[in-house]
mmCIF file of all heavy atoms, coordinates in Angstrom:
data_MODEL
# 
_entry.id   MODEL 
# 
loop_
_atom_site.group_PDB 
_atom_site.id 
_atom_site.type_symbol 
_atom_site.label_atom_id 
_atom_site.label_alt_id 
_atom_site.label_comp_id 
_atom_site.label_asym_id 
_atom_site.label_entity_id 
_atom_site.label_seq_id 
_atom_site.pdbx_PDB_ins_code 
_atom_site.Cartn_x 
_atom_site.Cartn_y 
_atom_site.Cartn_z 
_atom_site.occupancy 
_atom_site.B_iso_or_equiv 
_atom_site.pdbx_formal_charge 
_atom_site.auth_seq_id 
_atom_site.auth_comp_id 
_atom_site.auth_asym_id 
_atom_site.auth_atom_id 
_atom_site.pdbx_PDB_model_num 
ATOM 1   N N   . GLY A 1 1  ? -9.410 4.719  8.507   1.00 0.00 ? 1  GLY A N   1 
ATOM 2   C CA  . GLY A 1 1  ? -8.228 5.561  8.453   1.00 0.00 ? 1  GLY A CA  1 
ATOM 3   C C   . GLY A 1 1  ? -6.976 4.930  9.081   1.00 0.00 ? 1  GLY A C   1 
ATOM 4   O O   . GLY A 1 1  ? -5.906 4.913  8.520   1.00 0.00 ? 1  GLY A O   1 
ATOM 5   N N   . THR A 1 2  ? -7.242 4.320  10.254  1.00 0.00 ? 2  THR A N   1 
ATOM 6   C CA  . THR A 1 2  ? -6.149 3.761  11.006  1.00 0.00 ? 2  THR A CA  1 
ATOM 7   C C   . THR A 1 2  ? -5.648 2.516  10.328  1.00 0.00 ? 2  THR A C   1 
ATOM 8   O O   . THR A 1 2  ? -4.409 2.297  10.131  1.00 0.00 ? 2  THR A O   1 
ATOM 9   C CB  . THR A 1 2  ? -6.605 3.364  12.456  1.00 0.00 ? 2  THR A CB  1 
ATOM 10  O OG1 . THR A 1 2  ? -7.145 4.527  13.088  1.00 0.00 ? 2  THR A OG1 1 
ATOM 11  C CG2 . THR A 1 2  ? -5.427 2.812  13.296  1.00 0.00 ? 2  THR A CG2 1 
ATOM 12  N N   . VAL A 1 3  ? -6.575 1.634  9.882   1.00 0.00 ? 3  VAL A N   1 
ATOM 13  C CA  . VAL A 1 3  ? -6.244 0.428  9.277   1.00 0.00 ? 3  VAL A CA  1 
ATOM 14  C C   . VAL A 1 3  ? -5.416 0.597  8.024   1.00 0.00 ? 3  VAL A C   1 
ATOM 15  O O   . VAL A 1 3  ? -4.347 -0.065 7.730   1.00 0.00 ? 3  VAL A O   1 
ATOM 16  C CB  . VAL A 1 3  ? -7.496 -0.438 8.970   1.00 0.00 ? 3  VAL A CB  1 
ATOM 17  C CG1 . VAL A 1 3  ? -7.183 -1.711 8.161   1.00 0.00 ? 3  VAL A CG1 1 
ATOM 18  C CG2 . VAL A 1 3  ? -8.132 -0.853 10.266  1.00 0.00 ? 3  VAL A CG2 1 
ATOM 19  N N   . PHE A 1 4  ? -5.858 1.484  7.187   1.00 0.00 ? 4  PHE A N   1 
ATOM 20  C CA  . PHE A 1 4  ? -5.181 1.678  5.857   1.00 0.00 ? 4  PHE A CA  1 
ATOM 21  C C   . PHE A 1 4  ? -3.864 2.506  6.043   1.00 0.00 ? 4  PHE A C   1 
ATOM 22  O O   . PHE A 1 4  ? -2.977 2.319  5.227   1.00 0.00 ? 4  PHE A O   1 
ATOM 23  C CB  . PHE A 1 4  ? -6.136 2.393  4.850   1.00 0.00 ? 4  PHE A CB  1 
ATOM 24  C CG  . PHE A 1 4  ? -7.080 1.335  4.223   1.00 0.00 ? 4  PHE A CG  1 
ATOM 25  C CD1 . PHE A 1 4  ? -8.331 1.212  4.739   1.00 0.00 ? 4  PHE A CD1 1 
ATOM 26  C CD2 . PHE A 1 4  ? -6.675 0.629  3.102   1.00 0.00 ? 4  PHE A CD2 1 
ATOM 27  C CE1 . PHE A 1 4  ? -9.236 0.250  4.098   1.00 0.00 ? 4  PHE A CE1 1 
ATOM 28  C CE2 . PHE A 1 4  ? -7.554 -0.255 2.504   1.00 0.00 ? 4  PHE A CE2 1 
ATOM 29  C CZ  . PHE A 1 4  ? -8.848 -0.505 3.010   1.00 0.00 ? 4  PHE A CZ  1 
ATOM 30  N N   . SER A 1 5  ? -3.791 3.340  7.105   1.00 0.00 ? 5  SER A N   1 
ATOM 31  C CA  . SER A 1 5  ? -2.564 3.917  7.365   1.00 0.00 ? 5  SER A CA  1 
ATOM 32  C C   . SER A 1 5  ? -1.513 2.892  7.768   1.00 0.00 ? 5  SER A C   1 
ATOM 33  O O   . SER A 1 5  ? -0.350 3.050  7.365   1.00 0.00 ? 5  SER A O   1 
ATOM 34  C CB  . SER A 1 5  ? -2.733 4.985  8.569   1.00 0.00 ? 5  SER A CB  1 
ATOM 35  O OG  . SER A 1 5  ? -3.505 6.071  8.140   1.00 0.00 ? 5  SER A OG  1 
ATOM 36  N N   . PHE A 1 6  ? -1.925 1.869  8.598   1.00 0.00 ? 6  PHE A N   1 
ATOM 37  C CA  . PHE A 1 6  ? -0.996 0.790  8.912   1.00 0.00 ? 6  PHE A CA  1 
ATOM 38  C C   . PHE A 1 6  ? -0.596 0.080  7.643   1.00 0.00 ? 6  PHE A C   1 
ATOM 39  O O   . PHE A 1 6  ? 0.579  -0.341 7.497   1.00 0.00 ? 6  PHE A O   1 
ATOM 40  C CB  . PHE A 1 6  ? -1.604 -0.167 9.841   1.00 0.00 ? 6  PHE A CB  1 
ATOM 41  C CG  . PHE A 1 6  ? -1.463 0.268  11.361  1.00 0.00 ? 6  PHE A CG  1 
ATOM 42  C CD1 . PHE A 1 6  ? -2.406 0.517  12.196  1.00 0.00 ? 6  PHE A CD1 1 
ATOM 43  C CD2 . PHE A 1 6  ? -0.110 0.314  11.865  1.00 0.00 ? 6  PHE A CD2 1 
ATOM 44  C CE1 . PHE A 1 6  ? -2.300 0.891  13.456  1.00 0.00 ? 6  PHE A CE1 1 
ATOM 45  C CE2 . PHE A 1 6  ? 0.101  0.689  13.124  1.00 0.00 ? 6  PHE A CE2 1 
ATOM 46  C CZ  . PHE A 1 6  ? -0.985 0.933  13.989  1.00 0.00 ? 6  PHE A CZ  1 
ATOM 47  N N   . ILE A 1 7  ? -1.519 -0.217 6.769   1.00 0.00 ? 7  ILE A N   1 
ATOM 48  C CA  . ILE A 1 7  ? -1.223 -0.908 5.572   1.00 0.00 ? 7  ILE A CA  1 
ATOM 49  C C   . ILE A 1 7  ? -0.203 -0.070 4.740   1.00 0.00 ? 7  ILE A C   1 
ATOM 50  O O   . ILE A 1 7  ? 0.740  -0.630 4.140   1.00 0.00 ? 7  ILE A O   1 
ATOM 51  C CB  . ILE A 1 7  ? -2.483 -1.225 4.736   1.00 0.00 ? 7  ILE A CB  1 
ATOM 52  C CG1 . ILE A 1 7  ? -3.396 -2.201 5.414   1.00 0.00 ? 7  ILE A CG1 1 
ATOM 53  C CG2 . ILE A 1 7  ? -2.126 -1.640 3.285   1.00 0.00 ? 7  ILE A CG2 1 
ATOM 54  C CD1 . ILE A 1 7  ? -4.759 -2.387 4.813   1.00 0.00 ? 7  ILE A CD1 1 
ATOM 55  N N   . ALA A 1 8  ? -0.445 1.208  4.634   1.00 0.00 ? 8  ALA A N   1 
ATOM 56  C CA  . ALA A 1 8  ? 0.490  2.047  3.908   1.00 0.00 ? 8  ALA A CA  1 
ATOM 57  C C   . ALA A 1 8  ? 1.838  2.059  4.451   1.00 0.00 ? 8  ALA A C   1 
ATOM 58  O O   . ALA A 1 8  ? 2.914  1.961  3.788   1.00 0.00 ? 8  ALA A O   1 
ATOM 59  C CB  . ALA A 1 8  ? -0.033 3.479  3.893   1.00 0.00 ? 8  ALA A CB  1 
ATOM 60  N N   . LEU A 1 9  ? 1.974  2.043  5.819   1.00 0.00 ? 9  LEU A N   1 
ATOM 61  C CA  . LEU A 1 9  ? 3.303  1.968  6.469   1.00 0.00 ? 9  LEU A CA  1 
ATOM 62  C C   . LEU A 1 9  ? 3.982  0.670  6.222   1.00 0.00 ? 9  LEU A C   1 
ATOM 63  O O   . LEU A 1 9  ? 5.199  0.632  6.003   1.00 0.00 ? 9  LEU A O   1 
ATOM 64  C CB  . LEU A 1 9  ? 3.136  2.291  7.938   1.00 0.00 ? 9  LEU A CB  1 
ATOM 65  C CG  . LEU A 1 9  ? 2.718  3.669  8.432   1.00 0.00 ? 9  LEU A CG  1 
ATOM 66  C CD1 . LEU A 1 9  ? 2.519  3.709  9.931   1.00 0.00 ? 9  LEU A CD1 1 
ATOM 67  C CD2 . LEU A 1 9  ? 3.725  4.657  7.929   1.00 0.00 ? 9  LEU A CD2 1 
ATOM 68  N N   . LEU A 1 10 ? 3.287  -0.402 6.156   1.00 0.00 ? 10 LEU A N   1 
ATOM 69  C CA  . LEU A 1 10 ? 3.826  -1.696 5.838   1.00 0.00 ? 10 LEU A CA  1 
ATOM 70  C C   . LEU A 1 10 ? 4.312  -1.682 4.462   1.00 0.00 ? 10 LEU A C   1 
ATOM 71  O O   . LEU A 1 10 ? 5.412  -2.272 4.172   1.00 0.00 ? 10 LEU A O   1 
ATOM 72  C CB  . LEU A 1 10 ? 2.782  -2.825 6.055   1.00 0.00 ? 10 LEU A CB  1 
ATOM 73  C CG  . LEU A 1 10 ? 2.355  -3.131 7.468   1.00 0.00 ? 10 LEU A CG  1 
ATOM 74  C CD1 . LEU A 1 10 ? 1.222  -4.120 7.496   1.00 0.00 ? 10 LEU A CD1 1 
ATOM 75  C CD2 . LEU A 1 10 ? 3.550  -3.572 8.267   1.00 0.00 ? 10 LEU A CD2 1 
ATOM 76  N N   . ILE A 1 11 ? 3.645  -1.055 3.510   1.00 0.00 ? 11 ILE A N   1 
ATOM 77  C CA  . ILE A 1 11 ? 4.150  -1.014 2.103   1.00 0.00 ? 11 ILE A CA  1 
ATOM 78  C C   . ILE A 1 11 ? 5.462  -0.310 2.034   1.00 0.00 ? 11 ILE A C   1 
ATOM 79  O O   . ILE A 1 11 ? 6.367  -0.710 1.291   1.00 0.00 ? 11 ILE A O   1 
ATOM 80  C CB  . ILE A 1 11 ? 3.025  -0.359 1.205   1.00 0.00 ? 11 ILE A CB  1 
ATOM 81  C CG1 . ILE A 1 11 ? 1.780  -1.177 1.092   1.00 0.00 ? 11 ILE A CG1 1 
ATOM 82  C CG2 . ILE A 1 11 ? 3.604  0.024  -0.196  1.00 0.00 ? 11 ILE A CG2 1 
ATOM 83  C CD1 . ILE A 1 11 ? 0.601  -0.538 0.400   1.00 0.00 ? 11 ILE A CD1 1 
ATOM 84  N N   . ILE A 1 12 ? 5.524  0.782  2.846   1.00 0.00 ? 12 ILE A N   1 
ATOM 85  C CA  . ILE A 1 12 ? 6.786  1.585  2.826   1.00 0.00 ? 12 ILE A CA  1 
ATOM 86  C C   . ILE A 1 12 ? 7.891  0.861  3.510   1.00 0.00 ? 12 ILE A C   1 
ATOM 87  O O   . ILE A 1 12 ? 9.042  0.710  3.006   1.00 0.00 ? 12 ILE A O   1 
ATOM 88  C CB  . ILE A 1 12 ? 6.532  2.938  3.515   1.00 0.00 ? 12 ILE A CB  1 
ATOM 89  C CG1 . ILE A 1 12 ? 5.619  3.809  2.746   1.00 0.00 ? 12 ILE A CG1 1 
ATOM 90  C CG2 . ILE A 1 12 ? 7.815  3.720  3.738   1.00 0.00 ? 12 ILE A CG2 1 
ATOM 91  C CD1 . ILE A 1 12 ? 6.036  4.282  1.310   1.00 0.00 ? 12 ILE A CD1 1 
ATOM 92  N N   . ILE A 1 13 ? 7.635  0.281  4.643   1.00 0.00 ? 13 ILE A N   1 
ATOM 93  C CA  . ILE A 1 13 ? 8.667  -0.358 5.473   1.00 0.00 ? 13 ILE A CA  1 
ATOM 94  C C   . ILE A 1 13 ? 9.319  -1.574 4.758   1.00 0.00 ? 13 ILE A C   1 
ATOM 95  O O   . ILE A 1 13 ? 10.502 -1.724 4.774   1.00 0.00 ? 13 ILE A O   1 
ATOM 96  C CB  . ILE A 1 13 ? 8.110  -0.768 6.905   1.00 0.00 ? 13 ILE A CB  1 
ATOM 97  C CG1 . ILE A 1 13 ? 7.764  0.428  7.681   1.00 0.00 ? 13 ILE A CG1 1 
ATOM 98  C CG2 . ILE A 1 13 ? 9.093  -1.658 7.601   1.00 0.00 ? 13 ILE A CG2 1 
ATOM 99  C CD1 . ILE A 1 13 ? 7.070  0.218  8.942   1.00 0.00 ? 13 ILE A CD1 1 
ATOM 100 N N   . TYR A 1 14 ? 8.394  -2.398 4.103   1.00 0.00 ? 14 TYR A N   1 
ATOM 101 C CA  . TYR A 1 14 ? 8.855  -3.578 3.491   1.00 0.00 ? 14 TYR A CA  1 
ATOM 102 C C   . TYR A 1 14 ? 9.030  -3.446 2.022   1.00 0.00 ? 14 TYR A C   1 
ATOM 103 O O   . TYR A 1 14 ? 9.396  -4.405 1.277   1.00 0.00 ? 14 TYR A O   1 
ATOM 104 C CB  . TYR A 1 14 ? 7.886  -4.745 3.797   1.00 0.00 ? 14 TYR A CB  1 
ATOM 105 C CG  . TYR A 1 14 ? 7.853  -5.120 5.220   1.00 0.00 ? 14 TYR A CG  1 
ATOM 106 C CD1 . TYR A 1 14 ? 6.842  -4.715 6.091   1.00 0.00 ? 14 TYR A CD1 1 
ATOM 107 C CD2 . TYR A 1 14 ? 8.927  -5.870 5.786   1.00 0.00 ? 14 TYR A CD2 1 
ATOM 108 C CE1 . TYR A 1 14 ? 6.833  -5.101 7.445   1.00 0.00 ? 14 TYR A CE1 1 
ATOM 109 C CE2 . TYR A 1 14 ? 8.931  -6.263 7.144   1.00 0.00 ? 14 TYR A CE2 1 
ATOM 110 C CZ  . TYR A 1 14 ? 7.846  -5.826 7.923   1.00 0.00 ? 14 TYR A CZ  1 
ATOM 111 O OH  . TYR A 1 14 ? 7.852  -6.154 9.267   1.00 0.00 ? 14 TYR A OH  1 
ATOM 112 N N   . GLY A 1 15 ? 8.896  -2.239 1.488   1.00 0.00 ? 15 GLY A N   1 
ATOM 113 C CA  . GLY A 1 15 ? 8.998  -1.996 0.111   1.00 0.00 ? 15 GLY A CA  1 
ATOM 114 C C   . GLY A 1 15 ? 8.182  -2.862 -0.832  1.00 0.00 ? 15 GLY A C   1 
ATOM 115 O O   . GLY A 1 15 ? 8.574  -3.341 -1.837  1.00 0.00 ? 15 GLY A O   1 
ATOM 116 N N   . ILE A 1 16 ? 6.970  -3.044 -0.372  1.00 0.00 ? 16 ILE A N   1 
ATOM 117 C CA  . ILE A 1 16 ? 6.063  -4.013 -1.175  1.00 0.00 ? 16 ILE A CA  1 
ATOM 118 C C   . ILE A 1 16 ? 5.655  -3.385 -2.482  1.00 0.00 ? 16 ILE A C   1 
ATOM 119 O O   . ILE A 1 16 ? 5.171  -2.211 -2.524  1.00 0.00 ? 16 ILE A O   1 
ATOM 120 C CB  . ILE A 1 16 ? 4.793  -4.255 -0.350  1.00 0.00 ? 16 ILE A CB  1 
ATOM 121 C CG1 . ILE A 1 16 ? 5.138  -4.986 0.988   1.00 0.00 ? 16 ILE A CG1 1 
ATOM 122 C CG2 . ILE A 1 16 ? 3.763  -5.145 -1.090  1.00 0.00 ? 16 ILE A CG2 1 
ATOM 123 C CD1 . ILE A 1 16 ? 3.993  -5.069 1.973   1.00 0.00 ? 16 ILE A CD1 1 
ATOM 124 N N   . HIS A 1 17 ? 5.812  -4.110 -3.568  1.00 0.00 ? 17 HIS A N   1 
ATOM 125 C CA  . HIS A 1 17 ? 5.461  -3.685 -4.868  1.00 0.00 ? 17 HIS A CA  1 
ATOM 126 C C   . HIS A 1 17 ? 3.974  -3.912 -5.091  1.00 0.00 ? 17 HIS A C   1 
ATOM 127 O O   . HIS A 1 17 ? 3.516  -5.053 -5.001  1.00 0.00 ? 17 HIS A O   1 
ATOM 128 C CB  . HIS A 1 17 ? 6.254  -4.374 -5.958  1.00 0.00 ? 17 HIS A CB  1 
ATOM 129 C CG  . HIS A 1 17 ? 5.728  -4.127 -7.330  1.00 0.00 ? 17 HIS A CG  1 
ATOM 130 N ND1 . HIS A 1 17 ? 5.943  -2.869 -7.919  1.00 0.00 ? 17 HIS A ND1 1 
ATOM 131 C CD2 . HIS A 1 17 ? 5.046  -4.805 -8.229  1.00 0.00 ? 17 HIS A CD2 1 
ATOM 132 C CE1 . HIS A 1 17 ? 5.410  -2.911 -9.096  1.00 0.00 ? 17 HIS A CE1 1 
ATOM 133 N NE2 . HIS A 1 17 ? 4.873  -4.042 -9.377  1.00 0.00 ? 17 HIS A NE2 1 
ATOM 134 N N   . VAL A 1 18 ? 3.247  -2.852 -5.323  1.00 0.00 ? 18 VAL A N   1 
ATOM 135 C CA  . VAL A 1 18 ? 1.805  -2.914 -5.577  1.00 0.00 ? 18 VAL A CA  1 
ATOM 136 C C   . VAL A 1 18 ? 1.622  -3.023 -7.093  1.00 0.00 ? 18 VAL A C   1 
ATOM 137 O O   . VAL A 1 18 ? 2.119  -2.268 -7.872  1.00 0.00 ? 18 VAL A O   1 
ATOM 138 C CB  . VAL A 1 18 ? 1.037  -1.731 -5.066  1.00 0.00 ? 18 VAL A CB  1 
ATOM 139 C CG1 . VAL A 1 18 ? -0.384 -1.791 -5.341  1.00 0.00 ? 18 VAL A CG1 1 
ATOM 140 C CG2 . VAL A 1 18 ? 1.267  -1.548 -3.592  1.00 0.00 ? 18 VAL A CG2 1 
ATOM 141 N N   . PRO A 1 19 ? 0.894  -4.090 -7.573  1.00 0.00 ? 19 PRO A N   1 
ATOM 142 C CA  . PRO A 1 19 ? 0.691  -4.248 -9.029  1.00 0.00 ? 19 PRO A CA  1 
ATOM 143 C C   . PRO A 1 19 ? 0.105  -2.975 -9.650  1.00 0.00 ? 19 PRO A C   1 
ATOM 144 O O   . PRO A 1 19 ? -0.717 -2.282 -9.000  1.00 0.00 ? 19 PRO A O   1 
ATOM 145 C CB  . PRO A 1 19 ? -0.332 -5.444 -9.117  1.00 0.00 ? 19 PRO A CB  1 
ATOM 146 C CG  . PRO A 1 19 ? -0.129 -6.214 -7.783  1.00 0.00 ? 19 PRO A CG  1 
ATOM 147 C CD  . PRO A 1 19 ? 0.285  -5.211 -6.746  1.00 0.00 ? 19 PRO A CD  1 
ATOM 148 N N   . ASP A 1 20 ? 0.428  -2.739 -10.888 1.00 0.00 ? 20 ASP A N   1 
ATOM 149 C CA  . ASP A 1 20 ? 0.055  -1.572 -11.513 1.00 0.00 ? 20 ASP A CA  1 
ATOM 150 C C   . ASP A 1 20 ? -1.522 -1.345 -11.612 1.00 0.00 ? 20 ASP A C   1 
ATOM 151 O O   . ASP A 1 20 ? -1.960 -0.139 -11.546 1.00 0.00 ? 20 ASP A O   1 
ATOM 152 C CB  . ASP A 1 20 ? 0.665  -1.445 -12.947 1.00 0.00 ? 20 ASP A CB  1 
ATOM 153 C CG  . ASP A 1 20 ? 2.158  -1.243 -12.905 1.00 0.00 ? 20 ASP A CG  1 
ATOM 154 O OD1 . ASP A 1 20 ? 2.650  -0.694 -11.904 1.00 0.00 ? 20 ASP A OD1 1 
ATOM 155 O OD2 . ASP A 1 20 ? 2.843  -1.440 -13.913 1.00 0.00 ? 20 ASP A OD2 1 
ATOM 156 N N   . PHE A 1 21 ? -2.228 -2.416 -11.858 1.00 0.00 ? 21 PHE A N   1 
ATOM 157 C CA  . PHE A 1 21 ? -3.602 -2.363 -11.995 1.00 0.00 ? 21 PHE A CA  1 
ATOM 158 C C   . PHE A 1 21 ? -4.276 -1.932 -10.731 1.00 0.00 ? 21 PHE A C   1 
ATOM 159 O O   . PHE A 1 21 ? -5.338 -1.188 -10.734 1.00 0.00 ? 21 PHE A O   1 
ATOM 160 C CB  . PHE A 1 21 ? -4.260 -3.618 -12.595 1.00 0.00 ? 21 PHE A CB  1 
ATOM 161 C CG  . PHE A 1 21 ? -4.351 -4.793 -11.665 1.00 0.00 ? 21 PHE A CG  1 
ATOM 162 C CD1 . PHE A 1 21 ? -5.449 -5.022 -10.890 1.00 0.00 ? 21 PHE A CD1 1 
ATOM 163 C CD2 . PHE A 1 21 ? -3.222 -5.653 -11.495 1.00 0.00 ? 21 PHE A CD2 1 
ATOM 164 C CE1 . PHE A 1 21 ? -5.576 -6.035 -10.029 1.00 0.00 ? 21 PHE A CE1 1 
ATOM 165 C CE2 . PHE A 1 21 ? -3.301 -6.660 -10.628 1.00 0.00 ? 21 PHE A CE2 1 
ATOM 166 C CZ  . PHE A 1 21 ? -4.495 -6.980 -9.907  1.00 0.00 ? 21 PHE A CZ  1 
ATOM 167 N N   . ILE A 1 22 ? -3.707 -2.382 -9.615  1.00 0.00 ? 22 ILE A N   1 
ATOM 168 C CA  . ILE A 1 22 ? -4.270 -2.093 -8.250  1.00 0.00 ? 22 ILE A CA  1 
ATOM 169 C C   . ILE A 1 22 ? -3.885 -0.639 -7.954  1.00 0.00 ? 22 ILE A C   1 
ATOM 170 O O   . ILE A 1 22 ? -4.681 0.177  -7.545  1.00 0.00 ? 22 ILE A O   1 
ATOM 171 C CB  . ILE A 1 22 ? -3.681 -2.955 -7.161  1.00 0.00 ? 22 ILE A CB  1 
ATOM 172 C CG1 . ILE A 1 22 ? -4.211 -4.394 -7.400  1.00 0.00 ? 22 ILE A CG1 1 
ATOM 173 C CG2 . ILE A 1 22 ? -4.088 -2.435 -5.818  1.00 0.00 ? 22 ILE A CG2 1 
ATOM 174 C CD1 . ILE A 1 22 ? -3.826 -5.352 -6.360  1.00 0.00 ? 22 ILE A CD1 1 
ATOM 175 N N   . LYS A 1 23 ? -2.665 -0.158 -8.293  1.00 0.00 ? 23 LYS A N   1 
ATOM 176 C CA  . LYS A 1 23 ? -2.201 1.186  -8.137  1.00 0.00 ? 23 LYS A CA  1 
ATOM 177 C C   . LYS A 1 23 ? -3.056 2.193  -8.846  1.00 0.00 ? 23 LYS A C   1 
ATOM 178 O O   . LYS A 1 23 ? -3.482 3.178  -8.392  1.00 0.00 ? 23 LYS A O   1 
ATOM 179 C CB  . LYS A 1 23 ? -0.753 1.287  -8.578  1.00 0.00 ? 23 LYS A CB  1 
ATOM 180 C CG  . LYS A 1 23 ? -0.119 2.654  -8.204  1.00 0.00 ? 23 LYS A CG  1 
ATOM 181 C CD  . LYS A 1 23 ? 1.264  2.825  -8.710  1.00 0.00 ? 23 LYS A CD  1 
ATOM 182 C CE  . LYS A 1 23 ? 2.199  1.745  -8.171  1.00 0.00 ? 23 LYS A CE  1 
ATOM 183 N NZ  . LYS A 1 23 ? 3.650  1.959  -8.713  1.00 0.00 ? 23 LYS A NZ  1 
ATOM 184 N N   . THR A 1 24 ? -3.431 1.791  -10.093 1.00 0.00 ? 24 THR A N   1 
ATOM 185 C CA  . THR A 1 24 ? -4.267 2.683  -10.948 1.00 0.00 ? 24 THR A CA  1 
ATOM 186 C C   . THR A 1 24 ? -5.621 2.765  -10.326 1.00 0.00 ? 24 THR A C   1 
ATOM 187 O O   . THR A 1 24 ? -6.215 3.920  -10.182 1.00 0.00 ? 24 THR A O   1 
ATOM 188 C CB  . THR A 1 24 ? -4.430 2.096  -12.323 1.00 0.00 ? 24 THR A CB  1 
ATOM 189 O OG1 . THR A 1 24 ? -3.036 2.022  -12.874 1.00 0.00 ? 24 THR A OG1 1 
ATOM 190 C CG2 . THR A 1 24 ? -5.289 2.979  -13.173 1.00 0.00 ? 24 THR A CG2 1 
ATOM 191 N N   . ALA A 1 25 ? -6.186 1.711  -9.870  1.00 0.00 ? 25 ALA A N   1 
ATOM 192 C CA  . ALA A 1 25 ? -7.522 1.706  -9.292  1.00 0.00 ? 25 ALA A CA  1 
ATOM 193 C C   . ALA A 1 25 ? -7.621 2.598  -8.079  1.00 0.00 ? 25 ALA A C   1 
ATOM 194 O O   . ALA A 1 25 ? -8.446 3.432  -7.822  1.00 0.00 ? 25 ALA A O   1 
ATOM 195 C CB  . ALA A 1 25 ? -8.067 0.289  -9.032  1.00 0.00 ? 25 ALA A CB  1 
ATOM 196 N N   . VAL A 1 26 ? -6.693 2.366  -7.100  1.00 0.00 ? 26 VAL A N   1 
ATOM 197 C CA  . VAL A 1 26 ? -6.702 3.125  -5.876  1.00 0.00 ? 26 VAL A CA  1 
ATOM 198 C C   . VAL A 1 26 ? -6.298 4.601  -6.053  1.00 0.00 ? 26 VAL A C   1 
ATOM 199 O O   . VAL A 1 26 ? -6.863 5.398  -5.426  1.00 0.00 ? 26 VAL A O   1 
ATOM 200 C CB  . VAL A 1 26 ? -5.708 2.485  -4.737  1.00 0.00 ? 26 VAL A CB  1 
ATOM 201 C CG1 . VAL A 1 26 ? -6.162 1.050  -4.358  1.00 0.00 ? 26 VAL A CG1 1 
ATOM 202 C CG2 . VAL A 1 26 ? -4.300 2.488  -5.210  1.00 0.00 ? 26 VAL A CG2 1 
# 
């Protein structure tokens, strides 16, 4: 929970584009 929350925050902070196929899977 903590690790993926940090990953999520990094995605938001740096505006990381997640590929559509990964986005669909998750």
